[in-house]
Structures are given as structure tokens and as C-alpha cells.
């Protein structure tokens, strides 16, 4: 995963100081690209320990269009714990508001809702949205199967009319599929890139989505490409970034992924996919910026 480490190094060496919404402060660069060929293995970082089950369960959450963070918490996934719908609890930094945000389970019409019910009127996390809005993911799958040469196979989570209802505006806001010579390639766009904490998750999540879409459509797994905009390292992550760069990425080979009993991406469960041969350097802790 030298590609990832090269991005980390570039931010540390050429990044400029920038203030941010969280008040933490960052070193940032304007633009980078991540590329990986899935034929070389599953791109889960080996220079630090990564929680694959957390990444996979969040992807299932997106694919199913769920907006209730309790669903994640029931699966021991806590990456959305600090956020909630701003319509339920307006965002703020004080301790009382943070406590209220953590207690509220509704995330609003975030990623998966837009994937499966784009622009449907949003009411609550437990509302039935069946056949409401545009099911972008279903249309994508149908197009790949019926017209793989199509150049309009995009899914967007960025919905300007609903941004103010979302726990967080989508960082990775769109992805596109292109099929070339029988290989399914996935390209994603990201407006804001938390290089140390978020990007390794984004890489693995979209790699897993590519894997599932390839299985769904009977195509070979191709290239994973990320177009990254505001690429930053939080100031309190710099020491951890330097520690990670000091580790040899060639110590461990990339893992491989296997999904058993696959019938459809729409009834896939995160436990259906398993990694084989995953080994890594020890965990590095990075404090999340809220």
C-alpha cells in the first residue's frame, strides 16, 4: 500500500496549515489520487491494524439505506456515535450538546439513504421508504448487467437540497463504475479527506463495494481509483503519521477477500465476507475530530 503512504508523506512534506470546522487544525494539500489494482490483493492497510468488520458493517448499513445509528451500535460499530441529525440536535462543540448528539439515534438522510432513496422526503430513521425516491444503487446494478459499456453509471450521495438534514455532509460524495475488457473498475470522489483516520476506511470500503458489484454482475475485479480534494492530516495526528511512515509496508502481503454463499448485493450481510491472510503492524490510535 505504498500509494497510501506516498499521500501521507506528501501531506507532511508539502501541506500547509489550515483551520477547520472542528477547531483542531490541519496540514492540507489541494488534491491527490489513490490507485490500486484489485488483482494485487485487497487494499486493507498493513502498516497499522485495521478493523475490517467495522468497515464491512458500515458498508452494509449504506447498501441497505439505513439511517439509525443504533443498527451499527448493535453490531459493535461505533464510528457514527458522535453524530446525529442536525434537525434533532443542532451541531455544537459544548459538552452538553455533544452528549445530546451521542444520545440521538437518527442520522438523517446520509449516504445510504441517498444511494437507495435519493431525494425522497425524509421523516425519521424508522419510516418505511420503500419505492420512494430514486434507487440509484439498483439502477446502477441493472445498467452494469444490461449495458456495461455505459459511461453514465454514477451514484451520488451529494444532495444539495438535503445537506442541512444530514448528520454530516458526505465526504466521499459520489462513485462511478466503468467496465473495460470484462473488468469492473470503481472510481470515487471525495471532497474532504481525513488522511490518517478516514482514508484507510474509505479505501477498504470502496474496495469491498467493488468486490460485491463484481460478484453481482459476473465481472472480474478491476481498478480502484480515488479522486481526493482537500487532503489533510489533523495536527494531533502528525506523530502517528510519522510512526506509520517509519514502518515497512512490505513486511506483510495484502490480504485476499472471499464472500461465501453470495446471492445478491441487496441481501448481503457483512459477516458473509472474510479476509484471508491478513497480517499487520500494531494499531495506531488517532483521536477523532468531531
Protein backbone atom coordinates (compact mmCIF):
# COMPACT_ATOMS: atom_id res chain seq x y z
CA UNK A 1 0.00 0.00 0.00
CA UNK A 2 2.81 2.34 -0.92
CA UNK A 3 0.24 4.53 -2.74
CA UNK A 4 -1.38 5.45 0.58
CA UNK A 5 1.92 6.11 2.32
CA UNK A 6 3.00 8.37 -0.55
CA UNK A 7 -0.09 10.51 0.08
CA UNK A 8 0.69 10.69 3.80
CA UNK A 9 4.27 11.73 3.05
CA UNK A 10 3.20 14.37 0.54
CA UNK A 11 0.83 15.99 3.05
CA UNK A 12 3.51 16.05 5.75
CA UNK A 13 6.19 17.42 3.42
CA UNK A 14 4.19 19.92 1.34
CA UNK A 15 0.98 20.53 3.29
CA UNK A 16 0.10 23.98 4.58
CA UNK A 17 -1.54 24.92 7.87
CA UNK A 18 -5.30 25.35 7.61
CA UNK A 19 -8.09 25.94 10.12
CA UNK A 20 -11.10 23.62 10.02
CA UNK A 21 -14.66 23.18 11.26
CA UNK A 22 -13.61 21.11 14.28
CA UNK A 23 -11.08 23.67 15.54
CA UNK A 24 -8.33 21.04 15.64
CA UNK A 25 -6.22 22.43 12.78
CA UNK A 26 -4.73 20.55 9.84
CA UNK A 27 -1.88 20.30 7.36
CA UNK A 28 -3.56 20.15 3.93
CA UNK A 29 -2.86 19.82 0.22
CA UNK A 30 -5.19 20.53 -2.69
CA UNK A 31 -5.69 17.23 -4.44
CA UNK A 32 -4.26 13.71 -4.67
CA UNK A 33 -5.12 10.43 -6.37
CA UNK A 34 -5.20 6.91 -4.98
CA UNK A 35 -4.97 3.93 -7.34
CA UNK A 36 -4.96 0.18 -6.73
CA UNK A 37 -5.42 -2.89 -8.91
CA UNK A 38 -7.59 -5.45 -7.13
CA UNK A 39 -5.59 -8.23 -8.81
CA UNK A 40 -2.81 -7.37 -6.35
CA UNK A 41 -4.91 -8.13 -3.28
CA UNK A 42 -7.43 -6.44 -1.01
CA UNK A 43 -6.21 -2.92 -0.07
CA UNK A 44 -6.53 -3.06 3.71
CA UNK A 45 -3.56 -1.28 5.31
CA UNK A 46 -0.84 -3.45 6.79
CA UNK A 47 1.18 -0.60 8.33
CA UNK A 48 -1.40 -0.47 11.12
CA UNK A 49 -4.12 -2.83 12.33
CA UNK A 50 -7.46 -2.19 10.61
CA UNK A 51 -10.95 -3.33 11.82
CA UNK A 52 -12.37 -4.98 8.69
CA UNK A 53 -15.68 -5.95 10.32
CA UNK A 54 -16.36 -2.32 11.26
CA UNK A 55 -15.69 -1.23 7.68
CA UNK A 56 -17.87 -4.01 6.26
CA UNK A 57 -20.81 -3.43 8.61
CA UNK A 58 -20.84 0.29 7.74
CA UNK A 59 -20.98 -0.64 4.04
CA UNK A 60 -23.95 -2.94 4.70
CA UNK A 61 -25.57 -0.02 6.56
CA UNK A 62 -25.11 2.13 3.42
CA UNK A 63 -26.29 -0.55 0.98
CA UNK A 64 -29.47 -1.08 2.97
CA UNK A 65 -30.16 2.67 3.18
CA UNK A 66 -30.36 2.63 6.98
CA UNK A 67 -30.15 5.91 8.94
CA UNK A 68 -30.43 4.58 12.53
CA UNK A 69 -27.04 4.52 14.23
CA UNK A 70 -28.37 2.01 16.76
CA UNK A 71 -28.21 -0.56 13.93
CA UNK A 72 -24.45 -0.01 13.83
CA UNK A 73 -24.04 0.01 17.60
CA UNK A 74 -25.84 -3.33 17.85
CA UNK A 75 -23.07 -4.69 15.62
CA UNK A 76 -20.32 -3.17 17.78
CA UNK A 77 -19.70 -0.40 15.24
CA UNK A 78 -19.24 2.99 16.87
CA UNK A 79 -17.87 5.20 14.09
CA UNK A 80 -21.08 7.27 13.89
CA UNK A 81 -21.65 7.55 17.65
CA UNK A 82 -20.80 11.25 17.99
CA UNK A 83 -23.09 12.49 15.22
CA UNK A 84 -26.83 12.81 14.65
CA UNK A 85 -29.42 14.65 12.58
CA UNK A 86 -28.93 18.42 13.00
CA UNK A 87 -32.71 18.73 12.84
CA UNK A 88 -32.91 16.74 16.07
CA UNK A 89 -29.86 18.25 17.81
CA UNK A 90 -28.17 21.28 16.18
CA UNK A 91 -24.40 20.78 15.90
CA UNK A 92 -22.19 22.47 18.51
CA UNK A 93 -18.93 21.82 20.39
CA UNK A 94 -20.04 22.20 24.02
CA UNK A 95 -20.19 19.14 26.27
CA UNK A 96 -23.97 19.24 26.76
CA UNK A 97 -24.66 19.31 23.03
CA UNK A 98 -22.14 16.54 22.36
CA UNK A 99 -23.93 14.40 24.93
CA UNK A 100 -27.30 15.04 23.27
CA UNK A 101 -25.84 14.27 19.83
CA UNK A 102 -24.48 10.97 21.09
CA UNK A 103 -27.86 10.01 22.57
CA UNK A 104 -29.87 10.74 19.40
CA UNK A 105 -30.08 7.75 17.06
CA UNK A 106 -31.34 9.47 13.88
CA UNK A 107 -28.54 10.39 11.44
CA UNK A 108 -30.79 11.98 8.85
CA UNK A 109 -30.64 11.22 5.10
CA UNK A 110 -26.95 10.28 4.97
CA UNK A 111 -25.04 8.21 2.40
CA UNK A 112 -27.14 5.07 2.12
CA UNK A 113 -30.43 6.94 2.09
CA UNK A 114 -29.26 8.87 -0.97
CA UNK A 115 -27.95 5.67 -2.60
CA UNK A 116 -31.31 3.94 -2.22
CA UNK A 117 -33.95 6.73 -1.90
CA UNK A 118 -32.37 9.81 -3.47
CA UNK A 119 -34.46 12.94 -2.81
CA UNK A 120 -37.33 11.14 -1.08
CA UNK A 121 -38.81 13.38 1.64
CA UNK A 122 -37.05 12.42 4.87
CA UNK A 123 -39.08 11.95 8.04
CA UNK A 124 -37.34 9.71 10.56
CA UNK A 125 -34.96 6.76 10.88
CA UNK A 126 -37.85 4.27 11.33
CA UNK A 127 -40.02 5.44 8.41
CA UNK A 128 -40.72 2.99 5.57
CA UNK A 129 -39.18 4.48 2.41
CA UNK A 130 -39.93 1.55 0.10
CA UNK A 131 -40.35 2.68 -3.53
CA UNK A 132 -39.67 6.32 -2.59
CA UNK A 133 -37.02 8.44 -4.27
CA UNK A 134 -34.51 7.19 -6.83
CA UNK A 135 -32.87 3.84 -6.08
CA UNK A 136 -29.50 4.74 -7.58
CA UNK A 137 -27.80 1.52 -6.49
CA UNK A 138 -30.47 -0.70 -8.06
CA UNK A 139 -30.31 1.29 -11.31
CA UNK A 140 -26.52 1.03 -11.28
CA UNK A 141 -26.61 -2.76 -10.96
CA UNK A 142 -29.20 -3.06 -13.73
CA UNK A 143 -27.11 -0.88 -16.04
CA UNK A 144 -23.89 -2.82 -15.42
CA UNK A 145 -25.70 -6.05 -16.29
CA UNK A 146 -27.59 -4.77 -19.33
CA UNK A 147 -25.31 -2.05 -20.75
CA UNK A 148 -21.78 -2.48 -19.35
CA UNK A 149 -20.30 -0.06 -21.89
CA UNK A 150 -22.40 2.78 -20.46
CA UNK A 151 -20.42 5.82 -19.25
CA UNK A 152 -23.21 7.18 -17.05
CA UNK A 153 -23.02 4.68 -14.19
CA UNK A 154 -22.81 7.10 -11.26
CA UNK A 155 -24.19 7.10 -7.73
CA UNK A 156 -24.26 10.39 -5.81
CA UNK A 157 -24.66 10.94 -2.07
CA UNK A 158 -24.41 14.70 -2.53
CA UNK A 159 -27.92 16.13 -2.46
CA UNK A 160 -27.78 19.94 -2.01
CA UNK A 161 -31.47 20.14 -1.09
CA UNK A 162 -30.95 17.80 1.91
CA UNK A 163 -27.48 18.69 3.20
CA UNK A 164 -28.90 20.56 6.19
CA UNK A 165 -30.74 17.40 7.32
CA UNK A 166 -27.65 15.16 7.34
CA UNK A 167 -25.53 14.33 10.38
CA UNK A 168 -22.54 15.10 8.15
CA UNK A 169 -22.47 16.23 4.51
CA UNK A 170 -20.95 13.31 2.57
CA UNK A 171 -17.15 13.38 2.44
CA UNK A 172 -16.98 10.68 -0.27
CA UNK A 173 -19.82 12.14 -2.27
CA UNK A 174 -20.04 10.06 -5.47
CA UNK A 175 -18.74 6.94 -7.16
CA UNK A 176 -18.73 5.73 -10.74
CA UNK A 177 -18.38 2.35 -12.42
CA UNK A 178 -16.66 1.81 -15.73
CA UNK A 179 -16.34 -1.63 -17.32
CA UNK A 180 -13.33 -2.20 -19.59
CA UNK A 181 -12.42 -5.56 -21.12
CA UNK A 182 -14.58 -7.52 -18.71
CA UNK A 183 -13.19 -5.82 -15.59
CA UNK A 184 -15.30 -3.70 -13.26
CA UNK A 185 -13.50 -0.55 -12.13
CA UNK A 186 -14.74 1.75 -9.36
CA UNK A 187 -13.77 5.42 -9.11
CA UNK A 188 -14.85 7.54 -6.15
CA UNK A 189 -14.77 11.28 -5.47
CA UNK A 190 -14.05 12.73 -2.05
CA UNK A 191 -14.31 16.39 -1.05
CA UNK A 192 -12.68 16.09 2.39
CA UNK A 193 -10.04 13.51 3.28
CA UNK A 194 -9.02 12.71 6.85
CA UNK A 195 -5.84 11.01 5.70
CA UNK A 196 -4.89 9.09 8.82
CA UNK A 197 -8.25 8.01 10.21
CA UNK A 198 -10.81 8.19 7.40
CA UNK A 199 -8.96 7.44 4.16
CA UNK A 200 -7.88 3.89 5.08
CA UNK A 201 -11.57 3.14 5.82
CA UNK A 202 -12.69 4.74 2.54
CA UNK A 203 -10.19 2.72 0.51
CA UNK A 204 -11.24 -0.59 2.05
CA UNK A 205 -14.96 0.23 1.92
CA UNK A 206 -14.96 1.06 -1.79
CA UNK A 207 -12.73 -1.94 -2.49
CA UNK A 208 -15.34 -4.12 -0.78
CA UNK A 209 -18.12 -2.45 -2.77
CA UNK A 210 -16.17 -3.09 -5.98
CA UNK A 211 -15.80 -6.75 -4.97
CA UNK A 212 -19.54 -7.10 -4.31
CA UNK A 213 -20.56 -5.37 -7.54
CA UNK A 214 -18.21 -7.64 -9.50
CA UNK A 215 -19.79 -10.71 -7.90
CA UNK A 216 -23.29 -9.34 -8.56
CA UNK A 217 -22.57 -8.77 -12.25
CA UNK A 218 -20.21 -11.66 -13.03
CA UNK A 219 -17.32 -9.38 -13.96
CA UNK A 220 -13.69 -9.52 -12.92
CA UNK A 221 -12.43 -7.11 -10.28
CA UNK A 222 -10.51 -4.21 -11.82
CA UNK A 223 -9.03 -0.95 -10.61
CA UNK A 224 -9.98 1.16 -7.60
CA UNK A 225 -9.33 4.89 -8.04
CA UNK A 226 -9.95 7.72 -5.59
CA UNK A 227 -10.03 11.39 -6.64
CA UNK A 228 -9.24 13.25 -3.43
CA UNK A 229 -9.74 17.00 -2.91
CA UNK A 230 -8.90 18.63 0.46
CA UNK A 231 -6.40 16.04 1.69
CA UNK A 232 -5.41 16.78 5.27
CA UNK A 233 -3.75 15.45 8.37
CA UNK A 234 -5.03 16.78 11.68
CA UNK A 235 -2.30 18.36 13.78
CA UNK A 236 -2.89 15.87 16.58
CA UNK A 237 -2.35 13.00 14.09
CA UNK A 238 1.12 14.08 12.91
CA UNK A 239 3.10 11.94 15.37
CA UNK A 240 1.06 8.87 14.43
CA UNK A 241 1.53 9.63 10.75
CA UNK A 242 5.31 9.75 11.19
CA UNK A 243 5.20 6.47 13.12
CA UNK A 244 3.28 4.83 10.30
CA UNK A 245 5.71 6.10 7.66
CA UNK A 246 8.56 4.54 9.64
CA UNK A 247 7.00 1.10 9.23
CA UNK A 248 7.91 -1.16 6.31
CA UNK A 249 4.84 -1.69 4.06
CA UNK A 250 6.49 -4.80 2.59
CA UNK A 251 6.63 -6.67 5.89
CA UNK A 252 3.19 -8.17 5.24
CA UNK A 253 1.46 -9.09 1.99
CA UNK A 254 -2.02 -7.78 1.21
CA UNK A 255 -4.89 -9.98 2.27
CA UNK A 256 -7.47 -11.55 -0.05
CA UNK A 257 -11.22 -11.35 0.28
CA UNK A 258 -13.77 -14.13 -0.06
CA UNK A 259 -17.56 -13.85 0.05
CA UNK A 260 -19.38 -17.14 0.57
CA UNK A 261 -22.98 -18.02 -0.24
CA UNK A 262 -23.40 -14.83 -2.27
CA UNK A 263 -26.82 -14.41 -3.86
CA UNK A 264 -27.22 -10.63 -4.25
CA UNK A 265 -25.61 -7.42 -3.09
CA UNK A 266 -29.02 -6.39 -1.76
CA UNK A 267 -29.24 -9.22 0.77
CA UNK A 268 -25.51 -9.42 1.51
CA UNK A 269 -24.53 -9.25 5.17
CA UNK A 270 -21.14 -8.05 6.34
CA UNK A 271 -20.29 -11.38 8.00
CA UNK A 272 -20.56 -13.07 4.59
CA UNK A 273 -17.23 -11.56 3.52
CA UNK A 274 -13.99 -12.64 5.13
CA UNK A 275 -10.35 -11.76 4.72
CA UNK A 276 -7.70 -14.44 4.39
CA UNK A 277 -4.06 -13.90 5.18
CA UNK A 278 -4.44 -10.51 6.86
CA UNK A 279 -1.43 -9.56 8.98
CA UNK A 280 -0.32 -6.10 10.00
CA UNK A 281 1.81 -3.89 12.18
CA UNK A 282 0.19 -2.92 15.52
CA UNK A 283 -2.69 -0.47 15.88
CA UNK A 284 -2.03 3.28 15.94
CA UNK A 285 -4.66 5.30 17.79
CA UNK A 286 -5.90 8.55 16.22
CA UNK A 287 -8.35 10.78 18.07
CA UNK A 288 -11.45 11.55 16.00
CA UNK A 289 -12.24 15.22 15.30
CA UNK A 290 -15.95 15.98 15.79
